N, C-alpha and C. Protein backbone atom coordinates (compact mmCIF):
# COMPACT_ATOMS: atom_id res chain seq x y z
N MET A 1 21.75 -6.28 -34.45
CA MET A 1 21.93 -5.50 -33.23
C MET A 1 23.22 -4.69 -33.37
N THR A 2 23.12 -3.43 -33.09
CA THR A 2 24.26 -2.53 -33.13
C THR A 2 25.07 -2.68 -31.85
N GLN A 3 26.37 -2.57 -31.94
CA GLN A 3 27.22 -2.62 -30.75
C GLN A 3 27.11 -1.30 -29.99
N PRO A 4 27.22 -1.34 -28.65
CA PRO A 4 27.19 -0.10 -27.88
C PRO A 4 28.32 0.84 -28.33
N ALA A 5 28.02 2.11 -28.29
CA ALA A 5 29.02 3.12 -28.66
C ALA A 5 30.23 3.02 -27.74
N ALA A 6 31.39 3.32 -28.29
CA ALA A 6 32.62 3.25 -27.51
C ALA A 6 32.58 4.20 -26.32
N ALA A 7 31.83 5.29 -26.45
CA ALA A 7 31.78 6.30 -25.40
C ALA A 7 30.65 6.04 -24.41
N SER A 8 30.39 4.76 -24.09
CA SER A 8 29.36 4.45 -23.10
C SER A 8 29.98 4.36 -21.72
N THR A 9 29.30 4.97 -20.75
CA THR A 9 29.74 4.91 -19.36
C THR A 9 28.54 4.66 -18.47
N VAL A 10 28.78 3.99 -17.36
CA VAL A 10 27.74 3.77 -16.35
C VAL A 10 28.17 4.51 -15.10
N GLN A 11 27.24 5.25 -14.53
CA GLN A 11 27.54 5.98 -13.30
C GLN A 11 26.41 5.81 -12.30
N ARG A 12 26.79 5.74 -11.03
CA ARG A 12 25.80 5.69 -9.95
C ARG A 12 25.45 7.13 -9.59
N VAL A 13 24.13 7.41 -9.53
CA VAL A 13 23.66 8.75 -9.17
C VAL A 13 22.86 8.59 -7.88
N ASP A 14 23.56 8.67 -6.75
CA ASP A 14 22.93 8.41 -5.45
C ASP A 14 21.76 9.34 -5.16
N ALA A 15 21.85 10.60 -5.56
CA ALA A 15 20.78 11.56 -5.29
C ALA A 15 19.47 11.16 -5.96
N LYS A 16 19.56 10.40 -7.06
CA LYS A 16 18.36 9.95 -7.78
C LYS A 16 18.09 8.47 -7.58
N HIS A 17 18.89 7.81 -6.75
CA HIS A 17 18.74 6.38 -6.45
C HIS A 17 18.74 5.55 -7.73
N ARG A 18 19.75 5.75 -8.56
CA ARG A 18 19.80 4.98 -9.79
C ARG A 18 21.20 4.97 -10.39
N TYR A 19 21.38 4.02 -11.29
CA TYR A 19 22.56 3.97 -12.14
C TYR A 19 22.09 4.41 -13.52
N GLU A 20 22.90 5.21 -14.18
CA GLU A 20 22.57 5.67 -15.53
C GLU A 20 23.64 5.19 -16.49
N ILE A 21 23.22 4.87 -17.71
CA ILE A 21 24.18 4.59 -18.77
C ILE A 21 24.13 5.76 -19.73
N LEU A 22 25.31 6.28 -20.03
CA LEU A 22 25.43 7.45 -20.90
C LEU A 22 26.15 7.05 -22.19
N ILE A 23 25.64 7.55 -23.29
CA ILE A 23 26.25 7.37 -24.59
C ILE A 23 26.61 8.76 -25.10
N ASP A 24 27.89 8.98 -25.31
CA ASP A 24 28.37 10.30 -25.75
C ASP A 24 27.79 11.42 -24.88
N GLY A 25 27.73 11.17 -23.57
CA GLY A 25 27.27 12.18 -22.62
C GLY A 25 25.76 12.30 -22.47
N LYS A 26 24.99 11.53 -23.24
CA LYS A 26 23.52 11.59 -23.14
C LYS A 26 23.01 10.36 -22.39
N THR A 27 22.05 10.59 -21.49
CA THR A 27 21.49 9.48 -20.73
C THR A 27 20.70 8.58 -21.67
N ALA A 28 21.10 7.30 -21.74
CA ALA A 28 20.45 6.34 -22.61
C ALA A 28 19.50 5.42 -21.85
N GLY A 29 19.65 5.36 -20.53
CA GLY A 29 18.79 4.51 -19.74
C GLY A 29 19.20 4.52 -18.29
N LEU A 30 18.47 3.74 -17.48
CA LEU A 30 18.72 3.73 -16.04
C LEU A 30 18.23 2.44 -15.43
N THR A 31 18.77 2.13 -14.27
CA THR A 31 18.21 1.09 -13.41
C THR A 31 18.08 1.72 -12.02
N ALA A 32 16.87 1.71 -11.51
CA ALA A 32 16.54 2.41 -10.26
C ALA A 32 16.58 1.45 -9.07
N TYR A 33 16.97 1.99 -7.93
CA TYR A 33 17.08 1.19 -6.71
C TYR A 33 16.72 2.02 -5.49
N ARG A 34 16.52 1.31 -4.40
CA ARG A 34 16.46 1.90 -3.07
C ARG A 34 17.30 1.02 -2.17
N ASP A 35 17.99 1.64 -1.23
CA ASP A 35 18.80 0.88 -0.27
C ASP A 35 17.98 0.58 0.97
N ARG A 36 18.08 -0.68 1.41
CA ARG A 36 17.40 -1.17 2.61
C ARG A 36 18.45 -1.88 3.46
N GLY A 37 19.03 -1.14 4.40
CA GLY A 37 20.12 -1.72 5.18
C GLY A 37 21.29 -2.05 4.26
N ASP A 38 21.71 -3.32 4.29
CA ASP A 38 22.83 -3.72 3.43
C ASP A 38 22.36 -4.25 2.08
N GLN A 39 21.09 -4.04 1.77
CA GLN A 39 20.54 -4.50 0.49
C GLN A 39 20.31 -3.33 -0.46
N ARG A 40 20.60 -3.54 -1.73
CA ARG A 40 20.24 -2.59 -2.78
C ARG A 40 19.12 -3.25 -3.58
N VAL A 41 17.92 -2.71 -3.46
CA VAL A 41 16.71 -3.28 -4.05
C VAL A 41 16.48 -2.61 -5.41
N PHE A 42 16.69 -3.37 -6.48
CA PHE A 42 16.46 -2.86 -7.85
C PHE A 42 15.01 -3.09 -8.23
N TYR A 43 14.33 -2.03 -8.68
CA TYR A 43 12.91 -2.17 -8.97
C TYR A 43 12.50 -1.72 -10.37
N HIS A 44 13.39 -1.12 -11.15
CA HIS A 44 12.99 -0.68 -12.49
C HIS A 44 14.23 -0.46 -13.35
N THR A 45 14.18 -0.96 -14.59
CA THR A 45 15.25 -0.73 -15.56
C THR A 45 14.60 -0.28 -16.86
N LYS A 46 15.21 0.75 -17.46
CA LYS A 46 14.65 1.30 -18.70
C LYS A 46 15.78 1.79 -19.60
N ILE A 47 15.67 1.44 -20.88
CA ILE A 47 16.54 2.01 -21.91
C ILE A 47 15.62 2.83 -22.82
N TYR A 48 16.01 4.06 -23.07
CA TYR A 48 15.17 4.94 -23.88
C TYR A 48 15.13 4.45 -25.33
N ASP A 49 13.98 4.65 -25.98
CA ASP A 49 13.74 4.13 -27.32
C ASP A 49 14.85 4.45 -28.31
N ALA A 50 15.39 5.64 -28.27
CA ALA A 50 16.44 6.04 -29.23
C ALA A 50 17.70 5.19 -29.10
N PHE A 51 17.85 4.48 -27.97
CA PHE A 51 19.06 3.70 -27.71
C PHE A 51 18.78 2.20 -27.65
N ALA A 52 17.56 1.79 -27.96
CA ALA A 52 17.16 0.38 -27.86
C ALA A 52 17.93 -0.49 -28.85
N GLY A 53 18.04 -1.77 -28.52
CA GLY A 53 18.64 -2.74 -29.43
C GLY A 53 20.15 -2.71 -29.51
N GLN A 54 20.80 -2.09 -28.55
CA GLN A 54 22.26 -2.00 -28.58
C GLN A 54 22.93 -2.79 -27.45
N GLY A 55 22.14 -3.54 -26.70
CA GLY A 55 22.71 -4.31 -25.59
C GLY A 55 23.04 -3.48 -24.38
N LEU A 56 22.46 -2.29 -24.30
CA LEU A 56 22.81 -1.37 -23.22
C LEU A 56 22.25 -1.79 -21.87
N ALA A 57 21.06 -2.40 -21.84
CA ALA A 57 20.47 -2.81 -20.56
C ALA A 57 21.37 -3.83 -19.87
N SER A 58 21.88 -4.78 -20.62
CA SER A 58 22.76 -5.79 -20.05
C SER A 58 24.05 -5.17 -19.52
N LEU A 59 24.63 -4.27 -20.29
CA LEU A 59 25.85 -3.58 -19.86
C LEU A 59 25.60 -2.76 -18.60
N LEU A 60 24.49 -2.04 -18.58
CA LEU A 60 24.11 -1.22 -17.43
C LEU A 60 23.96 -2.07 -16.17
N VAL A 61 23.16 -3.12 -16.26
CA VAL A 61 22.88 -3.96 -15.09
C VAL A 61 24.15 -4.68 -14.63
N GLN A 62 24.96 -5.17 -15.56
CA GLN A 62 26.20 -5.86 -15.18
C GLN A 62 27.10 -4.91 -14.39
N GLN A 63 27.25 -3.69 -14.86
CA GLN A 63 28.13 -2.75 -14.16
C GLN A 63 27.52 -2.30 -12.82
N ALA A 64 26.19 -2.15 -12.78
CA ALA A 64 25.53 -1.78 -11.53
C ALA A 64 25.72 -2.88 -10.48
N LEU A 65 25.53 -4.13 -10.88
CA LEU A 65 25.67 -5.24 -9.93
C LEU A 65 27.12 -5.41 -9.48
N THR A 66 28.05 -5.16 -10.37
CA THR A 66 29.47 -5.19 -9.99
C THR A 66 29.76 -4.12 -8.95
N ASP A 67 29.16 -2.95 -9.11
CA ASP A 67 29.32 -1.87 -8.13
C ASP A 67 28.71 -2.26 -6.78
N VAL A 68 27.55 -2.91 -6.81
CA VAL A 68 26.91 -3.35 -5.57
C VAL A 68 27.84 -4.32 -4.83
N ARG A 69 28.39 -5.27 -5.55
CA ARG A 69 29.31 -6.22 -4.93
C ARG A 69 30.50 -5.49 -4.31
N ALA A 70 31.09 -4.56 -5.04
CA ALA A 70 32.27 -3.82 -4.56
C ALA A 70 31.95 -2.99 -3.32
N SER A 71 30.70 -2.53 -3.20
CA SER A 71 30.31 -1.70 -2.06
C SER A 71 29.97 -2.53 -0.82
N GLY A 72 29.93 -3.86 -0.98
CA GLY A 72 29.63 -4.73 0.15
C GLY A 72 28.15 -4.92 0.41
N LYS A 73 27.32 -4.42 -0.49
CA LYS A 73 25.87 -4.59 -0.35
C LYS A 73 25.41 -5.88 -1.03
N ARG A 74 24.14 -6.18 -0.86
CA ARG A 74 23.52 -7.35 -1.46
C ARG A 74 22.45 -6.90 -2.45
N ILE A 75 22.19 -7.72 -3.44
CA ILE A 75 21.25 -7.41 -4.52
C ILE A 75 19.90 -8.05 -4.23
N VAL A 76 18.82 -7.27 -4.41
CA VAL A 76 17.47 -7.81 -4.35
C VAL A 76 16.80 -7.45 -5.67
N PRO A 77 16.52 -8.45 -6.54
CA PRO A 77 16.04 -8.18 -7.89
C PRO A 77 14.51 -8.13 -8.03
N VAL A 78 13.90 -7.04 -7.57
CA VAL A 78 12.46 -6.86 -7.77
C VAL A 78 12.18 -6.59 -9.26
N CYS A 79 13.05 -5.84 -9.90
CA CYS A 79 12.92 -5.53 -11.33
C CYS A 79 12.99 -6.82 -12.15
N PRO A 80 12.01 -7.06 -13.03
CA PRO A 80 12.03 -8.29 -13.84
C PRO A 80 13.29 -8.41 -14.71
N TYR A 81 13.79 -7.31 -15.23
CA TYR A 81 14.98 -7.40 -16.07
C TYR A 81 16.20 -7.82 -15.25
N VAL A 82 16.36 -7.23 -14.07
CA VAL A 82 17.49 -7.59 -13.21
C VAL A 82 17.37 -9.06 -12.80
N ALA A 83 16.16 -9.52 -12.48
CA ALA A 83 15.96 -10.92 -12.10
C ALA A 83 16.34 -11.85 -13.26
N LYS A 84 15.93 -11.49 -14.47
CA LYS A 84 16.26 -12.29 -15.66
C LYS A 84 17.78 -12.30 -15.89
N PHE A 85 18.42 -11.16 -15.73
CA PHE A 85 19.87 -11.07 -15.90
C PHE A 85 20.57 -11.99 -14.91
N LEU A 86 20.11 -12.00 -13.66
CA LEU A 86 20.75 -12.81 -12.62
C LEU A 86 20.60 -14.31 -12.88
N LYS A 87 19.53 -14.73 -13.54
CA LYS A 87 19.36 -16.15 -13.87
C LYS A 87 20.44 -16.61 -14.85
N LYS A 88 20.87 -15.70 -15.73
CA LYS A 88 21.91 -16.03 -16.71
C LYS A 88 23.32 -15.78 -16.19
N HIS A 89 23.45 -14.94 -15.18
CA HIS A 89 24.76 -14.54 -14.67
C HIS A 89 24.89 -14.97 -13.21
N THR A 90 25.13 -16.24 -13.02
CA THR A 90 25.15 -16.82 -11.68
C THR A 90 26.36 -16.37 -10.85
N GLU A 91 27.28 -15.63 -11.46
CA GLU A 91 28.43 -15.14 -10.68
C GLU A 91 28.02 -14.14 -9.60
N PHE A 92 26.76 -13.66 -9.65
CA PHE A 92 26.27 -12.74 -8.62
C PHE A 92 25.40 -13.45 -7.57
N ALA A 93 25.25 -14.77 -7.68
CA ALA A 93 24.37 -15.52 -6.77
C ALA A 93 24.77 -15.36 -5.31
N ASP A 94 26.06 -15.25 -5.04
CA ASP A 94 26.53 -15.16 -3.66
C ASP A 94 26.19 -13.84 -2.99
N VAL A 95 25.80 -12.83 -3.76
CA VAL A 95 25.43 -11.53 -3.18
C VAL A 95 23.97 -11.16 -3.50
N THR A 96 23.16 -12.16 -3.85
CA THR A 96 21.76 -11.93 -4.19
C THR A 96 20.85 -12.49 -3.12
N ASP A 97 19.90 -11.68 -2.68
CA ASP A 97 18.88 -12.10 -1.72
C ASP A 97 17.55 -12.27 -2.44
N PRO A 98 16.68 -13.15 -1.94
CA PRO A 98 15.39 -13.35 -2.57
C PRO A 98 14.45 -12.15 -2.36
N VAL A 99 13.52 -11.99 -3.29
CA VAL A 99 12.47 -10.99 -3.13
C VAL A 99 11.43 -11.61 -2.18
N THR A 100 11.14 -10.92 -1.08
CA THR A 100 10.19 -11.42 -0.09
C THR A 100 9.01 -10.46 0.01
N PRO A 101 7.90 -10.91 0.59
CA PRO A 101 6.76 -10.00 0.80
C PRO A 101 7.16 -8.78 1.63
N GLU A 102 8.07 -8.98 2.60
CA GLU A 102 8.51 -7.85 3.43
C GLU A 102 9.25 -6.81 2.60
N VAL A 103 10.11 -7.27 1.69
CA VAL A 103 10.84 -6.35 0.81
C VAL A 103 9.86 -5.59 -0.09
N LEU A 104 8.89 -6.30 -0.64
CA LEU A 104 7.91 -5.64 -1.52
C LEU A 104 7.08 -4.61 -0.77
N GLN A 105 6.68 -4.94 0.46
CA GLN A 105 5.91 -3.99 1.26
C GLN A 105 6.76 -2.77 1.60
N TRP A 106 8.01 -2.99 1.98
CA TRP A 106 8.92 -1.90 2.28
C TRP A 106 9.13 -1.02 1.05
N LEU A 107 9.33 -1.63 -0.10
CA LEU A 107 9.57 -0.87 -1.34
C LEU A 107 8.35 -0.03 -1.69
N ASP A 108 7.16 -0.58 -1.54
CA ASP A 108 5.93 0.15 -1.80
C ASP A 108 5.85 1.40 -0.92
N THR A 109 6.22 1.24 0.34
CA THR A 109 6.23 2.39 1.27
C THR A 109 7.27 3.42 0.84
N GLU A 110 8.45 2.96 0.42
CA GLU A 110 9.52 3.86 -0.02
C GLU A 110 9.12 4.69 -1.25
N LEU A 111 8.39 4.06 -2.15
CA LEU A 111 8.07 4.70 -3.43
C LEU A 111 6.77 5.51 -3.40
N THR A 112 6.02 5.40 -2.31
CA THR A 112 4.79 6.17 -2.19
C THR A 112 5.13 7.58 -1.72
N PRO A 113 4.71 8.58 -2.48
CA PRO A 113 5.05 9.97 -2.09
C PRO A 113 4.36 10.41 -0.82
C-alpha cells in the first residue's frame, strides 16, 4: 500500500453536500452527506480508481467526522464505509446516532430528484 501524498487535503464543499479529498489539487474521492437538523447523514463514500489503495478513504472519513464534531452536529452512518470506520474508531461514539427507518425514509426523499 502506498502512503498518501504529502499534498493531500480534505475540504467540505457545502454546495455539493460532500467532503472531498484532494491530492496535488485533484479530487481523489468524496464522502457525501445531507444535513437533517443537527445530524449529518453520510450516505456514500468513493475513492476514484486512480487513487485507490493509498488509505485515502480512511483519511477522508476521519477528517470529515472530526469536522462534524467541531461543528456541533451528530453523525448518522448510512454509508457502509462510514459505519465500518466508526466500529473501529470508537472515539466518535459520543456524537454518533443510529440509522433508523425514519432517517432512511427522509434520506430517500432528499435524494429523489
